[in-house]
Amino acid sequence: HASAAHLDDAHVVRGSAALAALAAANPPGTAAVSNSAGLASALANTAVGRIVLAPGTYSLSAELSITRSVVLEAAVGATVVLNGRVEIDPGSLGVVQLIGLRITGGWLYGKGGGVHVASGTVTFESCDIFGNEAANNCFLGNLGAEEEMAVVSLSSVV
């Protein structure tokens, strides 16, 4: 699979300065987050349609559940790792986009250890989904989907 982009310290803005820069570059309805709690909060806020993740690893203590239409993307030039399992179920008319994310460390006894798409139209663009496991499953350990309930589009996914 493709290697992660290298970011040297001279090109990484840290802390509140990074969040301020992200917020200034994004229109209303966009949330800039830098940790797992901020990500969960932004997903819970239905006024947020686009979530931009600052560089780093987001350790998911529980499954990350996406239950509505939303765009989840890495900040430009950032390496963003979601360490854990992602469940996507926005309903049959929901549309979810994941852009520039690395998803790893997920496990499930069932379908899709890293990502499970239960419904909706889901697009993965420039994502790296790896190192996930699903037991007792005829689907991929990294990505599983309900055949008749979801439409999954992959673009530059490793």
N, C-alpha and C. Protein backbone atom coordinates (compact mmCIF):
# COMPACT_ATOMS: atom_id res chain seq x y z
N HIS A 1 0.83 -1.19 0.00
CA HIS A 1 0.00 0.00 0.00
C HIS A 1 0.87 1.24 0.00
N ALA A 2 0.28 2.35 -0.31
CA ALA A 2 1.03 3.60 -0.40
C ALA A 2 1.50 4.04 0.97
N SER A 3 2.67 4.64 0.99
CA SER A 3 3.17 5.12 2.27
C SER A 3 2.53 6.45 2.61
N ALA A 4 2.50 6.77 3.90
CA ALA A 4 1.90 8.02 4.36
C ALA A 4 2.78 9.19 3.94
N ALA A 5 2.16 10.31 3.70
CA ALA A 5 2.91 11.52 3.35
C ALA A 5 3.80 11.92 4.52
N HIS A 6 4.97 12.41 4.22
CA HIS A 6 5.90 12.83 5.26
C HIS A 6 5.68 14.31 5.54
N LEU A 7 5.49 14.63 6.80
CA LEU A 7 5.35 16.02 7.22
C LEU A 7 6.46 16.35 8.19
N ASP A 8 7.32 17.29 7.84
CA ASP A 8 8.35 17.66 8.80
C ASP A 8 7.81 18.76 9.71
N ASP A 9 8.46 18.96 10.84
CA ASP A 9 7.97 19.89 11.86
C ASP A 9 7.83 21.33 11.35
N ALA A 10 8.58 21.70 10.35
CA ALA A 10 8.50 23.06 9.83
C ALA A 10 7.17 23.32 9.12
N HIS A 11 6.48 22.26 8.68
CA HIS A 11 5.24 22.42 7.94
C HIS A 11 4.00 22.02 8.74
N VAL A 12 4.15 21.71 10.00
CA VAL A 12 3.02 21.29 10.83
C VAL A 12 2.73 22.39 11.84
N VAL A 13 1.51 22.90 11.82
CA VAL A 13 1.08 23.89 12.80
C VAL A 13 0.37 23.12 13.90
N ARG A 14 0.73 23.35 15.14
CA ARG A 14 0.20 22.56 16.24
C ARG A 14 -0.76 23.37 17.11
N GLY A 15 -1.59 22.61 17.88
CA GLY A 15 -2.42 23.19 18.92
C GLY A 15 -3.49 24.15 18.41
N SER A 16 -3.76 25.18 19.23
CA SER A 16 -4.85 26.11 18.92
C SER A 16 -4.57 26.90 17.64
N ALA A 17 -3.31 27.13 17.31
CA ALA A 17 -2.99 27.84 16.07
C ALA A 17 -3.45 27.02 14.86
N ALA A 18 -3.30 25.69 14.93
CA ALA A 18 -3.74 24.82 13.85
C ALA A 18 -5.26 24.88 13.69
N LEU A 19 -5.97 24.84 14.81
CA LEU A 19 -7.44 24.90 14.75
C LEU A 19 -7.91 26.26 14.23
N ALA A 20 -7.26 27.32 14.65
CA ALA A 20 -7.64 28.66 14.17
C ALA A 20 -7.42 28.76 12.66
N ALA A 21 -6.32 28.21 12.18
CA ALA A 21 -6.03 28.24 10.74
C ALA A 21 -7.06 27.43 9.97
N LEU A 22 -7.43 26.25 10.49
CA LEU A 22 -8.43 25.42 9.84
C LEU A 22 -9.78 26.10 9.82
N ALA A 23 -10.18 26.69 10.93
CA ALA A 23 -11.48 27.34 11.03
C ALA A 23 -11.56 28.53 10.07
N ALA A 24 -10.47 29.28 9.95
CA ALA A 24 -10.47 30.45 9.07
C ALA A 24 -10.58 30.04 7.60
N ALA A 25 -10.07 28.86 7.26
CA ALA A 25 -10.07 28.40 5.87
C ALA A 25 -11.36 27.69 5.49
N ASN A 26 -12.26 27.46 6.43
CA ASN A 26 -13.46 26.67 6.16
C ASN A 26 -14.72 27.49 6.37
N PRO A 27 -15.69 27.32 5.48
CA PRO A 27 -16.94 28.09 5.56
C PRO A 27 -17.83 27.64 6.72
N PRO A 28 -18.89 28.42 7.02
CA PRO A 28 -19.84 28.01 8.05
C PRO A 28 -20.40 26.62 7.73
N GLY A 29 -20.73 25.88 8.76
CA GLY A 29 -21.17 24.51 8.57
C GLY A 29 -20.02 23.53 8.57
N THR A 30 -18.82 24.08 8.74
CA THR A 30 -17.61 23.27 8.79
C THR A 30 -17.04 23.33 10.20
N ALA A 31 -16.66 22.17 10.72
CA ALA A 31 -16.00 22.11 12.02
C ALA A 31 -14.58 21.62 11.83
N ALA A 32 -13.64 22.30 12.48
CA ALA A 32 -12.25 21.86 12.50
C ALA A 32 -12.01 21.19 13.84
N VAL A 33 -11.53 19.94 13.81
CA VAL A 33 -11.32 19.19 15.05
C VAL A 33 -9.88 18.70 15.15
N SER A 34 -9.46 18.43 16.40
CA SER A 34 -8.08 17.98 16.59
C SER A 34 -7.97 16.79 17.54
N ASN A 35 -9.12 16.24 17.98
CA ASN A 35 -9.07 15.06 18.85
C ASN A 35 -10.37 14.27 18.71
N SER A 36 -10.41 13.09 19.31
CA SER A 36 -11.57 12.19 19.18
C SER A 36 -12.83 12.79 19.79
N ALA A 37 -12.70 13.51 20.91
CA ALA A 37 -13.87 14.12 21.54
C ALA A 37 -14.45 15.20 20.63
N GLY A 38 -13.59 16.00 20.01
CA GLY A 38 -14.05 17.03 19.08
C GLY A 38 -14.72 16.43 17.86
N LEU A 39 -14.20 15.29 17.39
CA LEU A 39 -14.80 14.60 16.25
C LEU A 39 -16.20 14.10 16.61
N ALA A 40 -16.34 13.47 17.77
CA ALA A 40 -17.66 12.98 18.21
C ALA A 40 -18.64 14.13 18.36
N SER A 41 -18.18 15.24 18.91
CA SER A 41 -19.04 16.41 19.10
C SER A 41 -19.50 16.98 17.76
N ALA A 42 -18.59 17.07 16.80
CA ALA A 42 -18.94 17.60 15.48
C ALA A 42 -19.93 16.68 14.77
N LEU A 43 -19.75 15.37 14.92
CA LEU A 43 -20.70 14.42 14.31
C LEU A 43 -22.09 14.54 14.93
N ALA A 44 -22.14 14.87 16.21
CA ALA A 44 -23.43 15.00 16.90
C ALA A 44 -24.14 16.31 16.55
N ASN A 45 -23.41 17.28 16.02
CA ASN A 45 -23.97 18.59 15.70
C ASN A 45 -24.49 18.59 14.25
N THR A 46 -25.80 18.53 14.08
CA THR A 46 -26.37 18.42 12.73
C THR A 46 -26.19 19.68 11.89
N ALA A 47 -25.77 20.79 12.50
CA ALA A 47 -25.49 22.01 11.73
C ALA A 47 -24.15 21.90 11.00
N VAL A 48 -23.35 20.90 11.35
CA VAL A 48 -22.04 20.70 10.74
C VAL A 48 -22.18 19.68 9.61
N GLY A 49 -21.85 20.12 8.39
CA GLY A 49 -21.93 19.24 7.24
C GLY A 49 -20.57 18.78 6.75
N ARG A 50 -19.53 19.41 7.26
CA ARG A 50 -18.16 19.08 6.83
C ARG A 50 -17.26 19.16 8.06
N ILE A 51 -16.51 18.09 8.27
CA ILE A 51 -15.60 18.03 9.41
C ILE A 51 -14.18 17.87 8.88
N VAL A 52 -13.32 18.82 9.24
CA VAL A 52 -11.93 18.79 8.81
C VAL A 52 -11.07 18.39 10.01
N LEU A 53 -10.30 17.32 9.84
CA LEU A 53 -9.49 16.79 10.93
C LEU A 53 -8.06 17.28 10.82
N ALA A 54 -7.56 17.84 11.91
CA ALA A 54 -6.16 18.27 11.99
C ALA A 54 -5.26 17.03 11.99
N PRO A 55 -3.98 17.19 11.66
CA PRO A 55 -3.07 16.05 11.64
C PRO A 55 -3.03 15.33 12.98
N GLY A 56 -2.89 14.00 12.93
CA GLY A 56 -2.72 13.23 14.15
C GLY A 56 -3.45 11.91 14.09
N THR A 57 -3.35 11.18 15.20
CA THR A 57 -4.04 9.90 15.36
C THR A 57 -5.21 10.10 16.30
N TYR A 58 -6.37 9.70 15.86
CA TYR A 58 -7.60 9.79 16.63
C TYR A 58 -7.93 8.39 17.13
N SER A 59 -7.60 8.12 18.40
CA SER A 59 -7.85 6.81 18.99
C SER A 59 -9.32 6.74 19.39
N LEU A 60 -10.03 5.82 18.75
CA LEU A 60 -11.46 5.69 18.97
C LEU A 60 -11.69 4.69 20.10
N SER A 61 -12.16 5.17 21.25
CA SER A 61 -12.38 4.29 22.40
C SER A 61 -13.62 3.43 22.18
N ALA A 62 -14.51 3.88 21.32
CA ALA A 62 -15.70 3.12 20.93
C ALA A 62 -15.83 3.26 19.42
N GLU A 63 -16.72 2.54 18.84
CA GLU A 63 -16.97 2.62 17.41
C GLU A 63 -17.36 4.06 17.03
N LEU A 64 -16.78 4.58 15.95
CA LEU A 64 -17.18 5.88 15.44
C LEU A 64 -18.41 5.66 14.57
N SER A 65 -19.53 6.22 14.98
CA SER A 65 -20.80 5.99 14.30
C SER A 65 -21.20 7.22 13.51
N ILE A 66 -21.33 7.05 12.19
CA ILE A 66 -21.75 8.14 11.31
C ILE A 66 -23.17 7.82 10.88
N THR A 67 -24.14 8.60 11.37
CA THR A 67 -25.55 8.28 11.16
C THR A 67 -26.30 9.34 10.35
N ARG A 68 -25.56 10.21 9.67
CA ARG A 68 -26.20 11.25 8.86
C ARG A 68 -25.25 11.63 7.72
N SER A 69 -25.75 12.41 6.77
CA SER A 69 -24.92 12.88 5.67
C SER A 69 -23.86 13.84 6.19
N VAL A 70 -22.61 13.62 5.78
CA VAL A 70 -21.51 14.45 6.26
C VAL A 70 -20.27 14.17 5.40
N VAL A 71 -19.37 15.16 5.35
CA VAL A 71 -18.06 14.98 4.73
C VAL A 71 -17.05 14.98 5.86
N LEU A 72 -16.21 13.96 5.90
CA LEU A 72 -15.16 13.84 6.91
C LEU A 72 -13.85 13.81 6.15
N GLU A 73 -12.98 14.83 6.38
CA GLU A 73 -11.76 14.87 5.58
C GLU A 73 -10.56 15.35 6.37
N ALA A 74 -9.40 14.87 5.93
CA ALA A 74 -8.14 15.31 6.51
C ALA A 74 -7.86 16.73 6.03
N ALA A 75 -7.27 17.54 6.91
CA ALA A 75 -6.83 18.88 6.51
C ALA A 75 -5.82 18.72 5.37
N VAL A 76 -5.74 19.72 4.51
CA VAL A 76 -4.84 19.67 3.36
C VAL A 76 -3.42 19.36 3.81
N GLY A 77 -2.84 18.33 3.22
CA GLY A 77 -1.47 17.95 3.52
C GLY A 77 -1.27 17.20 4.82
N ALA A 78 -2.36 16.90 5.52
CA ALA A 78 -2.26 16.27 6.84
C ALA A 78 -2.32 14.75 6.74
N THR A 79 -1.64 14.09 7.67
CA THR A 79 -1.79 12.66 7.85
C THR A 79 -2.73 12.47 9.04
N VAL A 80 -3.89 11.89 8.76
CA VAL A 80 -4.92 11.67 9.79
C VAL A 80 -5.22 10.19 9.86
N VAL A 81 -5.06 9.62 11.06
CA VAL A 81 -5.31 8.20 11.29
C VAL A 81 -6.49 8.05 12.24
N LEU A 82 -7.50 7.30 11.81
CA LEU A 82 -8.58 6.89 12.71
C LEU A 82 -8.23 5.49 13.16
N ASN A 83 -7.91 5.35 14.45
CA ASN A 83 -7.49 4.07 14.99
C ASN A 83 -8.69 3.44 15.70
N GLY A 84 -9.41 2.56 14.99
CA GLY A 84 -10.60 1.91 15.52
C GLY A 84 -11.58 1.63 14.41
N ARG A 85 -12.80 1.31 14.78
CA ARG A 85 -13.82 0.89 13.82
C ARG A 85 -14.78 2.03 13.50
N VAL A 86 -15.19 2.10 12.21
CA VAL A 86 -16.12 3.12 11.74
C VAL A 86 -17.37 2.42 11.21
N GLU A 87 -18.53 2.80 11.75
CA GLU A 87 -19.83 2.28 11.30
C GLU A 87 -20.54 3.42 10.58
N ILE A 88 -20.94 3.19 9.31
CA ILE A 88 -21.60 4.22 8.52
C ILE A 88 -23.02 3.75 8.21
N ASP A 89 -24.01 4.50 8.71
CA ASP A 89 -25.41 4.14 8.52
C ASP A 89 -26.27 5.41 8.49
N PRO A 90 -26.14 6.21 7.38
CA PRO A 90 -26.87 7.47 7.33
C PRO A 90 -28.31 7.35 6.82
N GLY A 91 -28.78 6.14 6.61
CA GLY A 91 -30.10 5.94 6.02
C GLY A 91 -29.99 5.83 4.52
N SER A 92 -31.04 5.35 3.88
CA SER A 92 -30.98 5.06 2.44
C SER A 92 -30.71 6.29 1.58
N LEU A 93 -31.10 7.47 2.03
CA LEU A 93 -30.87 8.69 1.25
C LEU A 93 -29.62 9.45 1.69
N GLY A 94 -28.93 8.96 2.72
CA GLY A 94 -27.75 9.64 3.24
C GLY A 94 -26.55 9.53 2.32
N VAL A 95 -25.71 10.56 2.35
CA VAL A 95 -24.48 10.60 1.55
C VAL A 95 -23.32 10.94 2.48
N VAL A 96 -22.30 10.09 2.48
CA VAL A 96 -21.13 10.29 3.33
C VAL A 96 -19.89 10.24 2.45
N GLN A 97 -18.97 11.19 2.68
CA GLN A 97 -17.69 11.19 1.99
C GLN A 97 -16.59 11.14 3.03
N LEU A 98 -15.62 10.25 2.82
CA LEU A 98 -14.42 10.19 3.64
C LEU A 98 -13.26 10.50 2.71
N ILE A 99 -12.46 11.51 3.06
CA ILE A 99 -11.41 11.99 2.16
C ILE A 99 -10.08 12.07 2.91
N GLY A 100 -9.07 11.38 2.37
CA GLY A 100 -7.71 11.49 2.88
C GLY A 100 -7.47 10.90 4.26
N LEU A 101 -8.27 9.90 4.64
CA LEU A 101 -8.14 9.31 5.98
C LEU A 101 -7.46 7.96 5.91
N ARG A 102 -6.75 7.62 6.98
CA ARG A 102 -6.18 6.28 7.16
C ARG A 102 -6.98 5.63 8.29
N ILE A 103 -7.56 4.47 8.01
CA ILE A 103 -8.39 3.79 9.01
C ILE A 103 -7.75 2.45 9.31
N THR A 104 -7.41 2.23 10.58
CA THR A 104 -6.71 1.02 10.99
C THR A 104 -7.10 0.64 12.41
N GLY A 105 -6.76 -0.58 12.81
CA GLY A 105 -6.96 -1.00 14.19
C GLY A 105 -8.38 -1.38 14.55
N GLY A 106 -9.26 -1.55 13.55
CA GLY A 106 -10.64 -1.93 13.83
C GLY A 106 -10.80 -3.44 13.91
N TRP A 107 -11.75 -3.88 14.72
CA TRP A 107 -12.03 -5.32 14.84
C TRP A 107 -13.51 -5.50 15.09
N LEU A 108 -14.05 -6.56 14.49
CA LEU A 108 -15.46 -6.89 14.71
C LEU A 108 -15.69 -8.35 14.42
N TYR A 109 -16.55 -8.97 15.19
CA TYR A 109 -17.01 -10.31 14.87
C TYR A 109 -18.22 -10.12 13.97
N GLY A 110 -17.99 -10.00 12.69
CA GLY A 110 -19.07 -9.74 11.75
C GLY A 110 -18.53 -9.09 10.50
N LYS A 111 -19.27 -8.13 9.96
CA LYS A 111 -18.95 -7.55 8.67
C LYS A 111 -18.17 -6.25 8.80
N GLY A 112 -17.00 -6.19 8.17
CA GLY A 112 -16.22 -4.95 8.11
C GLY A 112 -15.54 -4.61 9.41
N GLY A 113 -14.36 -5.10 9.62
CA GLY A 113 -13.63 -4.81 10.86
C GLY A 113 -13.22 -3.35 10.97
N GLY A 114 -12.78 -2.75 9.87
CA GLY A 114 -12.36 -1.35 9.89
C GLY A 114 -13.50 -0.40 9.62
N VAL A 115 -14.26 -0.70 8.56
CA VAL A 115 -15.39 0.14 8.17
C VAL A 115 -16.54 -0.78 7.77
N HIS A 116 -17.72 -0.50 8.30
CA HIS A 116 -18.93 -1.21 7.87
C HIS A 116 -19.92 -0.18 7.37
N VAL A 117 -20.38 -0.36 6.13
CA VAL A 117 -21.36 0.53 5.53
C VAL A 117 -22.70 -0.21 5.54
N ALA A 118 -23.64 0.29 6.35
CA ALA A 118 -24.95 -0.36 6.48
C ALA A 118 -25.97 0.21 5.51
N SER A 119 -25.84 1.51 5.16
CA SER A 119 -26.81 2.12 4.25
C SER A 119 -26.22 3.39 3.67
N GLY A 120 -26.93 3.96 2.71
CA GLY A 120 -26.53 5.23 2.13
C GLY A 120 -25.57 5.08 0.97
N THR A 121 -25.12 6.23 0.48
CA THR A 121 -24.11 6.30 -0.56
C THR A 121 -22.84 6.82 0.09
N VAL A 122 -21.78 6.04 0.01
CA VAL A 122 -20.54 6.38 0.71
C VAL A 122 -19.39 6.40 -0.28
N THR A 123 -18.62 7.49 -0.26
CA THR A 123 -17.47 7.62 -1.13
C THR A 123 -16.21 7.70 -0.28
N PHE A 124 -15.23 6.87 -0.61
CA PHE A 124 -13.91 6.91 0.01
C PHE A 124 -12.96 7.47 -1.04
N GLU A 125 -12.33 8.60 -0.77
CA GLU A 125 -11.42 9.22 -1.71
C GLU A 125 -10.05 9.38 -1.05
N SER A 126 -9.02 8.84 -1.70
CA SER A 126 -7.64 8.92 -1.20
C SER A 126 -7.54 8.44 0.24
N CYS A 127 -8.20 7.33 0.54
CA CYS A 127 -8.15 6.74 1.87
C CYS A 127 -7.26 5.51 1.87
N ASP A 128 -6.71 5.19 3.01
CA ASP A 128 -5.89 4.01 3.21
C ASP A 128 -6.55 3.21 4.34
N ILE A 129 -7.19 2.10 3.99
CA ILE A 129 -7.90 1.28 4.97
C ILE A 129 -7.12 -0.03 5.11
N PHE A 130 -6.51 -0.23 6.28
CA PHE A 130 -5.58 -1.35 6.43
C PHE A 130 -5.50 -1.77 7.89
N GLY A 131 -4.96 -2.98 8.12
CA GLY A 131 -4.70 -3.44 9.48
C GLY A 131 -5.94 -3.61 10.34
N ASN A 132 -7.06 -3.99 9.71
CA ASN A 132 -8.31 -4.21 10.42
C ASN A 132 -8.66 -5.69 10.31
N GLU A 133 -9.55 -6.15 11.18
CA GLU A 133 -9.87 -7.57 11.21
C GLU A 133 -11.35 -7.80 11.44
N ALA A 134 -11.91 -8.77 10.71
CA ALA A 134 -13.29 -9.17 10.92
C ALA A 134 -13.33 -10.68 11.00
N ALA A 135 -13.84 -11.21 12.09
CA ALA A 135 -13.91 -12.65 12.28
C ALA A 135 -15.25 -13.17 11.75
N ASN A 136 -15.28 -14.45 11.33
CA ASN A 136 -16.50 -15.11 10.88
C ASN A 136 -17.21 -14.28 9.82
N ASN A 137 -16.53 -13.99 8.74
CA ASN A 137 -17.01 -12.98 7.83
C ASN A 137 -16.56 -13.32 6.42
N CYS A 138 -17.47 -13.24 5.47
CA CYS A 138 -17.08 -13.47 4.07
C CYS A 138 -16.69 -12.17 3.39
N PHE A 139 -16.81 -11.04 4.08
CA PHE A 139 -16.42 -9.75 3.54
C PHE A 139 -14.96 -9.49 3.87
N LEU A 140 -14.42 -8.43 3.31
CA LEU A 140 -13.06 -8.03 3.64
C LEU A 140 -12.98 -7.63 5.10
N GLY A 141 -11.87 -7.92 5.73
CA GLY A 141 -11.68 -7.50 7.11
C GLY A 141 -11.62 -5.99 7.25
N ASN A 142 -11.18 -5.32 6.19
CA ASN A 142 -11.04 -3.87 6.25
C ASN A 142 -12.33 -3.12 5.96
N LEU A 143 -13.14 -3.60 5.01
CA LEU A 143 -14.33 -2.89 4.59
C LEU A 143 -15.44 -3.87 4.26
N GLY A 144 -16.58 -3.71 4.92
CA GLY A 144 -17.75 -4.54 4.64
C GLY A 144 -18.94 -3.66 4.34
N ALA A 145 -19.89 -4.19 3.58
CA ALA A 145 -21.08 -3.40 3.24
C ALA A 145 -22.28 -4.33 3.09
N GLU A 146 -23.45 -3.81 3.38
CA GLU A 146 -24.69 -4.54 3.14
C GLU A 146 -24.98 -4.41 1.65
N GLU A 147 -25.01 -5.54 0.94
CA GLU A 147 -25.07 -5.53 -0.52
C GLU A 147 -26.24 -4.74 -1.09
N GLU A 148 -27.41 -4.84 -0.53
CA GLU A 148 -28.58 -4.20 -1.12
C GLU A 148 -28.94 -2.88 -0.44
N MET A 149 -28.23 -2.50 0.58
CA MET A 149 -28.58 -1.32 1.36
C MET A 149 -27.63 -0.14 1.13
N ALA A 150 -26.47 -0.38 0.53
CA ALA A 150 -25.47 0.67 0.44
C ALA A 150 -24.83 0.73 -0.93
N VAL A 151 -24.41 1.92 -1.30
CA VAL A 151 -23.63 2.14 -2.52
C VAL A 151 -22.28 2.66 -2.07
N VAL A 152 -21.21 1.96 -2.43
CA VAL A 152 -19.87 2.34 -2.00
C VAL A 152 -19.04 2.68 -3.22
N SER A 153 -18.39 3.84 -3.20
CA SER A 153 -17.52 4.27 -4.28
C SER A 153 -16.11 4.44 -3.74
N LEU A 154 -15.14 3.85 -4.43
CA LEU A 154 -13.75 3.92 -4.00
C LEU A 154 -12.94 4.69 -5.02
N SER A 155 -12.17 5.68 -4.57
CA SER A 155 -11.32 6.46 -5.45
C SER A 155 -9.97 6.64 -4.78
N SER A 156 -8.93 6.10 -5.38
CA SER A 156 -7.57 6.17 -4.83
C SER A 156 -7.52 5.61 -3.41
N VAL A 157 -8.11 4.44 -3.24
CA VAL A 157 -8.11 3.79 -1.93
C VAL A 157 -7.13 2.64 -1.96
N VAL A 158 -6.31 2.57 -0.91
CA VAL A 158 -5.32 1.51 -0.82
C VAL A 158 -5.73 0.57 0.29
